[in-house]
């Protein structure tokens, strides 16, 4: 009996070690996969504040929490199972689906640019939405739809970065990536949109330096939020165009992807002291140009061709 108990405890210890090793494997793989998706994470952080600009300050954090829950739902309930199924049964379908998502992001960004130039669209819709609850739900819905595309890209990049793993391990790593990235992104977004409130609090402090910092934050935040709304549009363009550009590379549809690669390499070589930054900027610009072209074509089809037929 004692021998059996010792053997049982030894088996439990062995299983515990295996479980700990598995947790370490999941954490390591999740960290590497999250790093590969860092570019899209930055874009997601830039896009989201655009959806709370102009709404009631008291509703900012509740709105961000709604978007956070929607983002987790997107990743864990829909995208994670879809990614596993596609990678197992139809890996060829991942790239076309990502291209559709990239085209949608490009369209949404281009439409925002068109509406700003034409002084129509979302501004009129915001005026028409007299009910604050209706406006809030519209903004949350738009943010979650945009998040779905960005989350799909994050999950696809994370999946492609994984080493050969069993299906349960793949699911665990992707779930870890989903939770870490979502809480990280929307935690930063919440901090950004409430920075003016933090500034107001600091401005009442007795220390003069703290007061100066608080007043500076209060003055800075409206400009920062306004800039982020523009950065969000640009981010949708370069992410959407980047998805399409990457897919064109994979399908060997040239020469545009080769032009962008060549231009980014030349920029990196010309600015050796900041080669990585210069290369990224030029590549992002090329992706944004492609996104603007694709989005412009979709906007033209949806806005102009139906009007011509109706005349």
C-alpha atoms as a PDB file:
ATOM      1  CA  UNK A   1       0.000   0.000   0.000  1.00  0.00           C
ATOM      2  CA  UNK A   2       2.722   2.568   0.863  1.00  0.00           C
ATOM      3  CA  UNK A   3       4.520   1.569  -2.330  1.00  0.00           C
ATOM      4  CA  UNK A   4       1.350   2.179  -4.331  1.00  0.00           C
ATOM      5  CA  UNK A   5       0.856   5.574  -2.669  1.00  0.00           C
ATOM      6  CA  UNK A   6       4.452   6.574  -3.459  1.00  0.00           C
ATOM      7  CA  UNK A   7       3.970   5.483  -7.062  1.00  0.00           C
ATOM      8  CA  UNK A   8       0.733   7.473  -7.277  1.00  0.00           C
ATOM      9  CA  UNK A   9       2.401  10.589  -5.849  1.00  0.00           C
ATOM     10  CA  UNK A  10       5.277  10.131  -8.270  1.00  0.00           C
ATOM     11  CA  UNK A  11       2.809   9.960 -11.178  1.00  0.00           C
ATOM     12  CA  UNK A  12       1.061  13.111  -9.909  1.00  0.00           C
ATOM     13  CA  UNK A  13       4.408  14.917  -9.689  1.00  0.00           C
ATOM     14  CA  UNK A  14       5.278  13.824 -13.227  1.00  0.00           C
ATOM     15  CA  UNK A  15       1.922  15.049 -14.549  1.00  0.00           C
ATOM     16  CA  UNK A  16       2.408  18.347 -12.707  1.00  0.00           C
ATOM     17  CA  UNK A  17       5.814  18.786 -14.347  1.00  0.00           C
ATOM     18  CA  UNK A  18       4.323  18.028 -17.755  1.00  0.00           C
ATOM     19  CA  UNK A  19       1.513  20.508 -17.126  1.00  0.00           C
ATOM     20  CA  UNK A  20       4.023  23.166 -16.063  1.00  0.00           C
ATOM     21  CA  UNK A  21       6.084  22.502 -19.195  1.00  0.00           C
ATOM     22  CA  UNK A  22       2.951  22.788 -21.315  1.00  0.00           C
ATOM     23  CA  UNK A  23       2.090  26.113 -19.670  1.00  0.00           C
ATOM     24  CA  UNK A  24       5.621  27.337 -20.366  1.00  0.00           C
ATOM     25  CA  UNK A  25       5.281  26.205 -23.996  1.00  0.00           C
ATOM     26  CA  UNK A  26       1.958  28.011 -24.342  1.00  0.00           C
ATOM     27  CA  UNK A  27       3.351  31.180 -22.753  1.00  0.00           C
ATOM     28  CA  UNK A  28       6.460  31.124 -24.941  1.00  0.00           C
ATOM     29  CA  UNK A  29       4.543  30.473 -28.144  1.00  0.00           C
ATOM     30  CA  UNK A  30       1.936  33.085 -27.238  1.00  0.00           C
ATOM     31  CA  UNK A  31       4.655  35.659 -26.626  1.00  0.00           C
ATOM     32  CA  UNK A  32       6.304  34.981 -29.987  1.00  0.00           C
ATOM     33  CA  UNK A  33       2.990  34.984 -31.843  1.00  0.00           C
ATOM     34  CA  UNK A  34       1.914  38.226 -30.149  1.00  0.00           C
ATOM     35  CA  UNK A  35       5.189  39.831 -31.202  1.00  0.00           C
ATOM     36  CA  UNK A  36       4.589  38.860 -34.828  1.00  0.00           C
ATOM     37  CA  UNK A  37       1.180  40.576 -34.691  1.00  0.00           C
ATOM     38  CA  UNK A  38       2.543  43.741 -33.056  1.00  0.00           C
ATOM     39  CA  UNK A  39       2.030  45.863 -36.167  1.00  0.00           C
ATOM     40  CA  UNK A  40      -1.693  45.119 -36.323  1.00  0.00           C
ATOM     41  CA  UNK A  41      -1.957  45.645 -32.553  1.00  0.00           C
ATOM     42  CA  UNK A  42      -0.604  49.187 -32.969  1.00  0.00           C
ATOM     43  CA  UNK A  43      -3.102  49.813 -35.761  1.00  0.00           C
ATOM     44  CA  UNK A  44      -5.944  48.484 -33.607  1.00  0.00           C
ATOM     45  CA  UNK A  45      -4.921  50.835 -30.798  1.00  0.00           C
ATOM     46  CA  UNK A  46      -4.926  53.790 -33.195  1.00  0.00           C
ATOM     47  CA  UNK A  47      -8.284  52.927 -34.768  1.00  0.00           C
ATOM     48  CA  UNK A  48     -10.409  52.391 -31.647  1.00  0.00           C
ATOM     49  CA  UNK A  49     -10.304  55.850 -29.966  1.00  0.00           C
ATOM     50  CA  UNK A  50     -11.964  57.201 -33.111  1.00  0.00           C
ATOM     51  CA  UNK A  51     -15.194  55.522 -31.982  1.00  0.00           C
ATOM     52  CA  UNK A  52     -15.459  57.372 -28.646  1.00  0.00           C
ATOM     53  CA  UNK A  53     -14.458  60.857 -29.829  1.00  0.00           C
ATOM     54  CA  UNK A  54     -17.432  63.226 -29.411  1.00  0.00           C
ATOM     55  CA  UNK A  55     -19.411  60.968 -27.080  1.00  0.00           C
ATOM     56  CA  UNK A  56     -20.220  61.667 -23.424  1.00  0.00           C
ATOM     57  CA  UNK A  57     -17.078  61.428 -21.238  1.00  0.00           C
ATOM     58  CA  UNK A  58     -19.087  59.501 -18.655  1.00  0.00           C
ATOM     59  CA  UNK A  59     -19.763  56.792 -21.242  1.00  0.00           C
ATOM     60  CA  UNK A  60     -16.196  56.441 -22.567  1.00  0.00           C
ATOM     61  CA  UNK A  61     -15.030  53.593 -20.317  1.00  0.00           C
ATOM     62  CA  UNK A  62     -18.354  51.686 -20.513  1.00  0.00           C
ATOM     63  CA  UNK A  63     -18.175  51.942 -24.322  1.00  0.00           C
ATOM     64  CA  UNK A  64     -14.587  50.692 -24.353  1.00  0.00           C
ATOM     65  CA  UNK A  65     -15.621  47.802 -22.094  1.00  0.00           C
ATOM     66  CA  UNK A  66     -18.417  46.917 -24.529  1.00  0.00           C
ATOM     67  CA  UNK A  67     -15.925  46.947 -27.407  1.00  0.00           C
ATOM     68  CA  UNK A  68     -13.482  44.858 -25.332  1.00  0.00           C
ATOM     69  CA  UNK A  69     -16.141  42.194 -24.710  1.00  0.00           C
ATOM     70  CA  UNK A  70     -17.083  42.266 -28.398  1.00  0.00           C
ATOM     71  CA  UNK A  71     -13.426  41.870 -29.354  1.00  0.00           C
ATOM     72  CA  UNK A  72     -12.968  38.877 -27.036  1.00  0.00           C
ATOM     73  CA  UNK A  73     -16.147  37.362 -28.443  1.00  0.00           C
ATOM     74  CA  UNK A  74     -14.853  37.904 -31.984  1.00  0.00           C
ATOM     75  CA  UNK A  75     -11.548  36.211 -31.231  1.00  0.00           C
ATOM     76  CA  UNK A  76     -12.544  33.368 -28.907  1.00  0.00           C
ATOM     77  CA  UNK A  77     -15.975  32.320 -30.192  1.00  0.00           C
ATOM     78  CA  UNK A  78     -15.647  32.936 -33.916  1.00  0.00           C
ATOM     79  CA  UNK A  79     -12.110  33.506 -35.147  1.00  0.00           C
ATOM     80  CA  UNK A  80     -10.253  30.945 -33.034  1.00  0.00           C
ATOM     81  CA  UNK A  81     -12.433  27.964 -34.086  1.00  0.00           C
ATOM     82  CA  UNK A  82     -12.516  29.256 -37.674  1.00  0.00           C
ATOM     83  CA  UNK A  83      -8.722  29.594 -37.751  1.00  0.00           C
ATOM     84  CA  UNK A  84      -8.239  26.044 -36.452  1.00  0.00           C
ATOM     85  CA  UNK A  85     -10.791  24.613 -38.886  1.00  0.00           C
ATOM     86  CA  UNK A  86      -9.391  26.478 -41.859  1.00  0.00           C
ATOM     87  CA  UNK A  87      -5.817  25.548 -41.051  1.00  0.00           C
ATOM     88  CA  UNK A  88      -6.831  21.867 -40.742  1.00  0.00           C
ATOM     89  CA  UNK A  89      -9.359  21.553 -43.580  1.00  0.00           C
ATOM     90  CA  UNK A  90      -8.954  24.433 -46.026  1.00  0.00           C
ATOM     91  CA  UNK A  91      -5.710  26.368 -45.503  1.00  0.00           C
ATOM     92  CA  UNK A  92      -6.012  27.712 -49.061  1.00  0.00           C
ATOM     93  CA  UNK A  93      -9.099  29.734 -48.029  1.00  0.00           C
ATOM     94  CA  UNK A  94      -7.335  31.820 -45.360  1.00  0.00           C
ATOM     95  CA  UNK A  95      -5.640  34.234 -47.775  1.00  0.00           C
ATOM     96  CA  UNK A  96      -8.765  35.029 -49.860  1.00  0.00           C
ATOM     97  CA  UNK A  97     -10.773  35.656 -46.684  1.00  0.00           C
ATOM     98  CA  UNK A  98      -8.067  37.975 -45.383  1.00  0.00           C
ATOM     99  CA  UNK A  99      -8.122  39.824 -48.710  1.00  0.00           C
ATOM    100  CA  UNK A 100     -11.864  40.384 -48.305  1.00  0.00           C
ATOM    101  CA  UNK A 101     -11.195  41.774 -44.834  1.00  0.00           C
ATOM    102  CA  UNK A 102      -8.431  44.009 -46.170  1.00  0.00           C
ATOM    103  CA  UNK A 103     -10.752  45.307 -48.886  1.00  0.00           C
ATOM    104  CA  UNK A 104     -13.402  46.088 -46.258  1.00  0.00           C
ATOM    105  CA  UNK A 105     -10.937  48.047 -44.126  1.00  0.00           C
ATOM    106  CA  UNK A 106      -9.707  49.927 -47.194  1.00  0.00           C
ATOM    107  CA  UNK A 107     -13.290  50.735 -48.186  1.00  0.00           C
ATOM    108  CA  UNK A 108     -14.239  51.974 -44.712  1.00  0.00           C
ATOM    109  CA  UNK A 109     -11.193  54.262 -44.525  1.00  0.00           C
ATOM    110  CA  UNK A 110     -11.666  55.587 -48.061  1.00  0.00           C
ATOM    111  CA  UNK A 111     -15.347  56.223 -47.427  1.00  0.00           C
ATOM    112  CA  UNK A 112     -14.467  58.255 -44.328  1.00  0.00           C
ATOM    113  CA  UNK A 113     -12.049  60.324 -46.405  1.00  0.00           C
ATOM    114  CA  UNK A 114     -14.675  60.840 -49.118  1.00  0.00           C
ATOM    115  CA  UNK A 115     -17.328  61.858 -46.598  1.00  0.00           C
ATOM    116  CA  UNK A 116     -14.922  64.321 -44.937  1.00  0.00           C
ATOM    117  CA  UNK A 117     -14.125  65.894 -48.323  1.00  0.00           C
ATOM    118  CA  UNK A 118     -17.791  65.953 -49.349  1.00  0.00           C
ATOM    119  CA  UNK A 119     -18.980  67.105 -45.883  1.00  0.00           C
ATOM    120  CA  UNK A 120     -21.593  64.359 -45.751  1.00  0.00           C
ATOM    121  CA  UNK A 121     -22.248  60.879 -44.411  1.00  0.00           C
ATOM    122  CA  UNK A 122     -21.305  60.142 -40.827  1.00  0.00           C
ATOM    123  CA  UNK A 123     -21.591  63.747 -39.656  1.00  0.00           C
ATOM    124  CA  UNK A 124     -25.198  63.916 -40.891  1.00  0.00           C
ATOM    125  CA  UNK A 125     -25.929  60.525 -39.392  1.00  0.00           C
ATOM    126  CA  UNK A 126     -24.604  61.705 -36.025  1.00  0.00           C
ATOM    127  CA  UNK A 127     -26.932  64.726 -36.176  1.00  0.00           C
ATOM    128  CA  UNK A 128     -29.876  62.519 -37.092  1.00  0.00           C
ATOM    129  CA  UNK A 129     -29.155  60.185 -34.160  1.00  0.00           C
ATOM    130  CA  UNK A 130     -30.808  62.340 -31.497  1.00  0.00           C
ATOM    131  CA  UNK A 131     -30.948  59.402 -29.076  1.00  0.00           C
ATOM    132  CA  UNK A 132     -27.536  59.091 -27.335  1.00  0.00           C
ATOM    133  CA  UNK A 133     -28.157  55.377 -26.783  1.00  0.00           C
ATOM    134  CA  UNK A 134     -28.719  54.861 -30.509  1.00  0.00           C
ATOM    135  CA  UNK A 135     -25.520  56.752 -31.327  1.00  0.00           C
ATOM    136  CA  UNK A 136     -23.578  54.756 -28.732  1.00  0.00           C
ATOM    137  CA  UNK A 137     -24.823  51.432 -30.083  1.00  0.00           C
ATOM    138  CA  UNK A 138     -23.956  52.533 -33.618  1.00  0.00           C
ATOM    139  CA  UNK A 139     -20.414  53.466 -32.571  1.00  0.00           C
ATOM    140  CA  UNK A 140     -19.927  50.244 -30.601  1.00  0.00           C
ATOM    141  CA  UNK A 141     -21.238  48.176 -33.509  1.00  0.00           C
ATOM    142  CA  UNK A 142     -18.912  49.931 -35.945  1.00  0.00           C
ATOM    143  CA  UNK A 143     -15.933  49.438 -33.635  1.00  0.00           C
ATOM    144  CA  UNK A 144     -16.667  45.727 -33.181  1.00  0.00           C
ATOM    145  CA  UNK A 145     -17.042  45.220 -36.949  1.00  0.00           C
ATOM    146  CA  UNK A 146     -13.709  46.927 -37.559  1.00  0.00           C
ATOM    147  CA  UNK A 147     -12.174  44.963 -34.689  1.00  0.00           C
ATOM    148  CA  UNK A 148     -13.355  41.729 -36.316  1.00  0.00           C
ATOM    149  CA  UNK A 149     -11.198  42.399 -39.382  1.00  0.00           C
ATOM    150  CA  UNK A 150      -8.171  43.463 -37.351  1.00  0.00           C
ATOM    151  CA  UNK A 151      -8.655  40.515 -34.992  1.00  0.00           C
ATOM    152  CA  UNK A 152      -8.818  38.145 -37.960  1.00  0.00           C
ATOM    153  CA  UNK A 153      -5.481  39.482 -39.147  1.00  0.00           C
ATOM    154  CA  UNK A 154      -4.005  39.159 -35.649  1.00  0.00           C
ATOM    155  CA  UNK A 155      -5.189  35.559 -35.321  1.00  0.00           C
ATOM    156  CA  UNK A 156      -3.991  34.655 -38.817  1.00  0.00           C
ATOM    157  CA  UNK A 157      -0.535  36.120 -38.151  1.00  0.00           C
ATOM    158  CA  UNK A 158      -0.382  34.378 -34.773  1.00  0.00           C
ATOM    159  CA  UNK A 159      -1.399  31.068 -36.344  1.00  0.00           C
ATOM    160  CA  UNK A 160       1.238  31.370 -39.062  1.00  0.00           C
ATOM    161  CA  UNK A 161       3.903  32.124 -36.435  1.00  0.00           C
ATOM    162  CA  UNK A 162       3.239  28.965 -34.415  1.00  0.00           C
ATOM    163  CA  UNK A 163       5.646  26.028 -34.520  1.00  0.00           C
ATOM    164  CA  UNK A 164       4.177  22.561 -35.147  1.00  0.00           C
ATOM    165  CA  UNK A 165       1.824  21.941 -32.221  1.00  0.00           C
ATOM    166  CA  UNK A 166      -1.061  19.668 -31.373  1.00  0.00           C
ATOM    167  CA  UNK A 167      -4.570  21.016 -31.916  1.00  0.00           C
ATOM    168  CA  UNK A 168      -5.222  21.606 -28.185  1.00  0.00           C
ATOM    169  CA  UNK A 169      -1.904  23.444 -27.865  1.00  0.00           C
ATOM    170  CA  UNK A 170      -2.693  25.595 -30.911  1.00  0.00           C
ATOM    171  CA  UNK A 171      -6.063  26.457 -29.402  1.00  0.00           C
ATOM    172  CA  UNK A 172      -4.475  27.305 -26.030  1.00  0.00           C
ATOM    173  CA  UNK A 173      -1.831  29.537 -27.604  1.00  0.00           C
ATOM    174  CA  UNK A 174      -4.320  31.373 -29.819  1.00  0.00           C
ATOM    175  CA  UNK A 175      -6.646  31.873 -26.848  1.00  0.00           C
ATOM    176  CA  UNK A 176      -3.748  33.292 -24.824  1.00  0.00           C
ATOM    177  CA  UNK A 177      -2.814  35.618 -27.697  1.00  0.00           C
ATOM    178  CA  UNK A 178      -6.445  36.744 -28.007  1.00  0.00           C
ATOM    179  CA  UNK A 179      -6.802  37.598 -24.300  1.00  0.00           C
ATOM    180  CA  UNK A 180      -3.374  39.231 -23.912  1.00  0.00           C
ATOM    181  CA  UNK A 181      -3.676  41.406 -27.010  1.00  0.00           C
ATOM    182  CA  UNK A 182      -7.306  42.400 -26.400  1.00  0.00           C
ATOM    183  CA  UNK A 183      -6.776  43.447 -22.779  1.00  0.00           C
ATOM    184  CA  UNK A 184      -3.534  45.201 -23.721  1.00  0.00           C
ATOM    185  CA  UNK A 185      -5.028  47.140 -26.634  1.00  0.00           C
ATOM    186  CA  UNK A 186      -8.193  48.273 -24.900  1.00  0.00           C
ATOM    187  CA  UNK A 187      -6.385  48.976 -21.644  1.00  0.00           C
ATOM    188  CA  UNK A 188      -4.162  51.431 -23.529  1.00  0.00           C
ATOM    189  CA  UNK A 189      -7.202  52.858 -25.345  1.00  0.00           C
ATOM    190  CA  UNK A 190      -8.985  53.398 -22.025  1.00  0.00           C
ATOM    191  CA  UNK A 191      -5.922  55.168 -20.646  1.00  0.00           C
ATOM    192  CA  UNK A 192      -5.736  57.413 -23.728  1.00  0.00           C
ATOM    193  CA  UNK A 193      -9.365  58.519 -23.693  1.00  0.00           C
ATOM    194  CA  UNK A 194      -9.351  59.199 -19.929  1.00  0.00           C
ATOM    195  CA  UNK A 195      -6.038  61.045 -19.916  1.00  0.00           C
ATOM    196  CA  UNK A 196      -7.837  64.405 -19.796  1.00  0.00           C
ATOM    197  CA  UNK A 197      -9.637  63.339 -16.603  1.00  0.00           C
ATOM    198  CA  UNK A 198      -6.290  62.286 -15.143  1.00  0.00           C
ATOM    199  CA  UNK A 199      -4.949  65.707 -16.120  1.00  0.00           C
ATOM    200  CA  UNK A 200      -7.844  67.458 -14.355  1.00  0.00           C
ATOM    201  CA  UNK A 201      -7.151  65.460 -11.218  1.00  0.00           C
ATOM    202  CA  UNK A 202      -3.427  66.272 -11.330  1.00  0.00           C
ATOM    203  CA  UNK A 203      -4.162  69.968 -11.915  1.00  0.00           C
ATOM    204  CA  UNK A 204      -5.737  70.187  -8.433  1.00  0.00           C
ATOM    205  CA  UNK A 205      -2.609  68.786  -6.736  1.00  0.00           C
ATOM    206  CA  UNK A 206      -0.730  70.989  -4.293  1.00  0.00           C
ATOM    207  CA  UNK A 207       2.656  70.434  -5.990  1.00  0.00           C
ATOM    208  CA  UNK A 208       3.310  73.010  -8.720  1.00  0.00           C
ATOM    209  CA  UNK A 209       5.060  70.588 -11.067  1.00  0.00           C
ATOM    210  CA  UNK A 210       2.177  68.113 -10.851  1.00  0.00           C
ATOM    211  CA  UNK A 211      -0.257  70.935 -11.609  1.00  0.00           C
ATOM    212  CA  UNK A 212       1.734  71.913 -14.698  1.00  0.00           C
ATOM    213  CA  UNK A 213       1.711  68.309 -15.923  1.00  0.00           C
ATOM    214  CA  UNK A 214      -2.041  68.108 -15.315  1.00  0.00           C
ATOM    215  CA  UNK A 215      -2.769  71.323 -17.228  1.00  0.00           C
ATOM    216  CA  UNK A 216      -0.528  70.108 -20.049  1.00  0.00           C
ATOM    217  CA  UNK A 217      -2.456  66.834 -20.315  1.00  0.00           C
ATOM    218  CA  UNK A 218      -5.786  68.679 -20.384  1.00  0.00           C
ATOM    219  CA  UNK A 219      -4.605  70.922 -23.226  1.00  0.00           C
ATOM    220  CA  UNK A 220      -2.921  68.074 -25.094  1.00  0.00           C
ATOM    221  CA  UNK A 221      -5.683  65.448 -25.046  1.00  0.00           C
ATOM    222  CA  UNK A 222      -8.180  67.118 -27.442  1.00  0.00           C
ATOM    223  CA  UNK A 223      -5.384  67.472 -29.996  1.00  0.00           C
ATOM    224  CA  UNK A 224      -4.232  63.901 -29.397  1.00  0.00           C
ATOM    225  CA  UNK A 225      -7.728  62.446 -29.773  1.00  0.00           C
ATOM    226  CA  UNK A 226      -8.298  64.457 -32.937  1.00  0.00           C
ATOM    227  CA  UNK A 227      -4.956  63.228 -34.293  1.00  0.00           C
ATOM    228  CA  UNK A 228      -5.808  59.640 -33.332  1.00  0.00           C
ATOM    229  CA  UNK A 229      -9.045  59.826 -35.321  1.00  0.00           C
ATOM    230  CA  UNK A 230      -6.956  60.652 -38.404  1.00  0.00           C
ATOM    231  CA  UNK A 231      -4.321  58.068 -37.511  1.00  0.00           C
ATOM    232  CA  UNK A 232      -7.125  55.516 -37.199  1.00  0.00           C
ATOM    233  CA  UNK A 233      -8.232  56.180 -40.781  1.00  0.00           C
ATOM    234  CA  UNK A 234      -4.628  55.955 -41.981  1.00  0.00           C
ATOM    235  CA  UNK A 235      -4.164  52.743 -39.988  1.00  0.00           C
ATOM    236  CA  UNK A 236      -7.174  51.134 -41.661  1.00  0.00           C
ATOM    237  CA  UNK A 237      -5.680  52.056 -45.035  1.00  0.00           C
ATOM    238  CA  UNK A 238      -2.222  50.665 -44.392  1.00  0.00           C
ATOM    239  CA  UNK A 239      -3.486  47.545 -42.615  1.00  0.00           C
ATOM    240  CA  UNK A 240      -6.109  46.834 -45.297  1.00  0.00           C
ATOM    241  CA  UNK A 241      -3.676  47.567 -48.099  1.00  0.00           C
ATOM    242  CA  UNK A 242      -0.967  45.585 -46.312  1.00  0.00           C
ATOM    243  CA  UNK A 243      -3.189  42.503 -46.112  1.00  0.00           C
ATOM    244  CA  UNK A 244      -3.897  42.721 -49.842  1.00  0.00           C
ATOM    245  CA  UNK A 245      -0.242  43.436 -50.628  1.00  0.00           C
ATOM    246  CA  UNK A 246       0.895  40.390 -48.661  1.00  0.00           C
ATOM    247  CA  UNK A 247      -1.669  38.229 -50.455  1.00  0.00           C
ATOM    248  CA  UNK A 248      -0.540  39.519 -53.851  1.00  0.00           C
ATOM    249  CA  UNK A 249       2.992  38.522 -52.875  1.00  0.00           C
ATOM    250  CA  UNK A 250       1.795  35.039 -52.056  1.00  0.00           C
ATOM    251  CA  UNK A 251      -0.044  34.722 -55.375  1.00  0.00           C
ATOM    252  CA  UNK A 252       2.926  36.232 -57.285  1.00  0.00           C
ATOM    253  CA  UNK A 253       0.782  39.085 -58.630  1.00  0.00           C
ATOM    254  CA  UNK A 254       3.433  41.640 -59.479  1.00  0.00           C
ATOM    255  CA  UNK A 255       4.817  44.251 -60.080  1.00  0.00           C
ATOM    256  CA  UNK A 256       3.179  46.455 -57.396  1.00  0.00           C
ATOM    257  CA  UNK A 257       4.336  44.361 -54.412  1.00  0.00           C
ATOM    258  CA  UNK A 258       7.856  44.290 -55.859  1.00  0.00           C
ATOM    259  CA  UNK A 259       7.819  48.083 -56.302  1.00  0.00           C
ATOM    260  CA  UNK A 260       6.852  48.551 -52.654  1.00  0.00           C
ATOM    261  CA  UNK A 261       9.523  46.094 -51.471  1.00  0.00           C
ATOM    262  CA  UNK A 262      12.194  47.721 -53.616  1.00  0.00           C
ATOM    263  CA  UNK A 263      11.252  51.230 -52.469  1.00  0.00           C
ATOM    264  CA  UNK A 264      11.265  50.207 -48.795  1.00  0.00           C
ATOM    265  CA  UNK A 265      14.671  48.504 -49.149  1.00  0.00           C
ATOM    266  CA  UNK A 266      16.123  51.568 -50.853  1.00  0.00           C
ATOM    267  CA  UNK A 267      14.756  53.813 -48.085  1.00  0.00           C
ATOM    268  CA  UNK A 268      16.329  51.563 -45.470  1.00  0.00           C
ATOM    269  CA  UNK A 269      19.679  51.620 -47.239  1.00  0.00           C
ATOM    270  CA  UNK A 270      19.577  55.404 -47.765  1.00  0.00           C
ATOM    271  CA  UNK A 271      18.940  56.025 -44.053  1.00  0.00           C
ATOM    272  CA  UNK A 272      21.292  53.525 -42.461  1.00  0.00           C
ATOM    273  CA  UNK A 273      20.985  55.205 -39.037  1.00  0.00           C
ATOM    274  CA  UNK A 274      17.217  54.599 -39.073  1.00  0.00           C
ATOM    275  CA  UNK A 275      16.952  51.909 -41.731  1.00  0.00           C
ATOM    276  CA  UNK A 276      14.272  49.836 -40.022  1.00  0.00           C
ATOM    277  CA  UNK A 277      12.012  52.821 -39.402  1.00  0.00           C
ATOM    278  CA  UNK A 278      12.472  54.190 -42.940  1.00  0.00           C
ATOM    279  CA  UNK A 279      11.776  50.774 -44.442  1.00  0.00           C
ATOM    280  CA  UNK A 280       8.612  50.386 -42.377  1.00  0.00           C
ATOM    281  CA  UNK A 281       7.342  53.892 -43.230  1.00  0.00           C
ATOM    282  CA  UNK A 282       7.806  53.399 -46.977  1.00  0.00           C
ATOM    283  CA  UNK A 283       6.217  49.943 -46.869  1.00  0.00           C
ATOM    284  CA  UNK A 284       3.265  51.324 -44.851  1.00  0.00           C
ATOM    285  CA  UNK A 285       2.899  54.168 -47.375  1.00  0.00           C
ATOM    286  CA  UNK A 286       2.875  51.719 -50.282  1.00  0.00           C
ATOM    287  CA  UNK A 287       0.290  49.587 -48.478  1.00  0.00           C
ATOM    288  CA  UNK A 288      -1.853  52.683 -47.814  1.00  0.00           C
ATOM    289  CA  UNK A 289      -1.697  53.675 -51.505  1.00  0.00           C
ATOM    290  CA  UNK A 290      -2.878  50.205 -52.497  1.00  0.00           C
ATOM    291  CA  UNK A 291      -5.610  50.389 -49.849  1.00  0.00           C
ATOM    292  CA  UNK A 292      -6.707  53.772 -51.182  1.00  0.00           C
ATOM    293  CA  UNK A 293      -6.905  52.374 -54.724  1.00  0.00           C
ATOM    294  CA  UNK A 294      -8.927  49.323 -53.660  1.00  0.00           C
ATOM    295  CA  UNK A 295     -11.144  51.346 -51.306  1.00  0.00           C
ATOM    296  CA  UNK A 296     -11.662  54.022 -53.946  1.00  0.00           C
ATOM    297  CA  UNK A 297     -12.851  51.444 -56.462  1.00  0.00           C
ATOM    298  CA  UNK A 298     -15.363  50.040 -53.961  1.00  0.00           C
ATOM    299  CA  UNK A 299     -16.560  53.521 -52.975  1.00  0.00           C
ATOM    300  CA  UNK A 300     -17.000  54.397 -56.654  1.00  0.00           C
ATOM    301  CA  UNK A 301     -19.030  51.239 -57.282  1.00  0.00           C
ATOM    302  CA  UNK A 302     -21.267  51.753 -54.226  1.00  0.00           C
ATOM    303  CA  UNK A 303     -21.745  55.524 -54.469  1.00  0.00           C
ATOM    304  CA  UNK A 304     -21.601  56.493 -58.111  1.00  0.00           C
ATOM    305  CA  UNK A 305     -22.586  53.589 -60.361  1.00  0.00           C
ATOM    306  CA  UNK A 306     -26.025  53.075 -58.688  1.00  0.00           C
ATOM    307  CA  UNK A 307     -26.722  56.807 -59.057  1.00  0.00           C
ATOM    308  CA  UNK A 308     -25.937  56.700 -62.745  1.00  0.00           C
ATOM    309  CA  UNK A 309     -28.345  53.807 -63.241  1.00  0.00           C
ATOM    310  CA  UNK A 310     -31.089  55.592 -61.328  1.00  0.00           C
ATOM    311  CA  UNK A 311     -30.940  58.721 -63.502  1.00  0.00           C
END
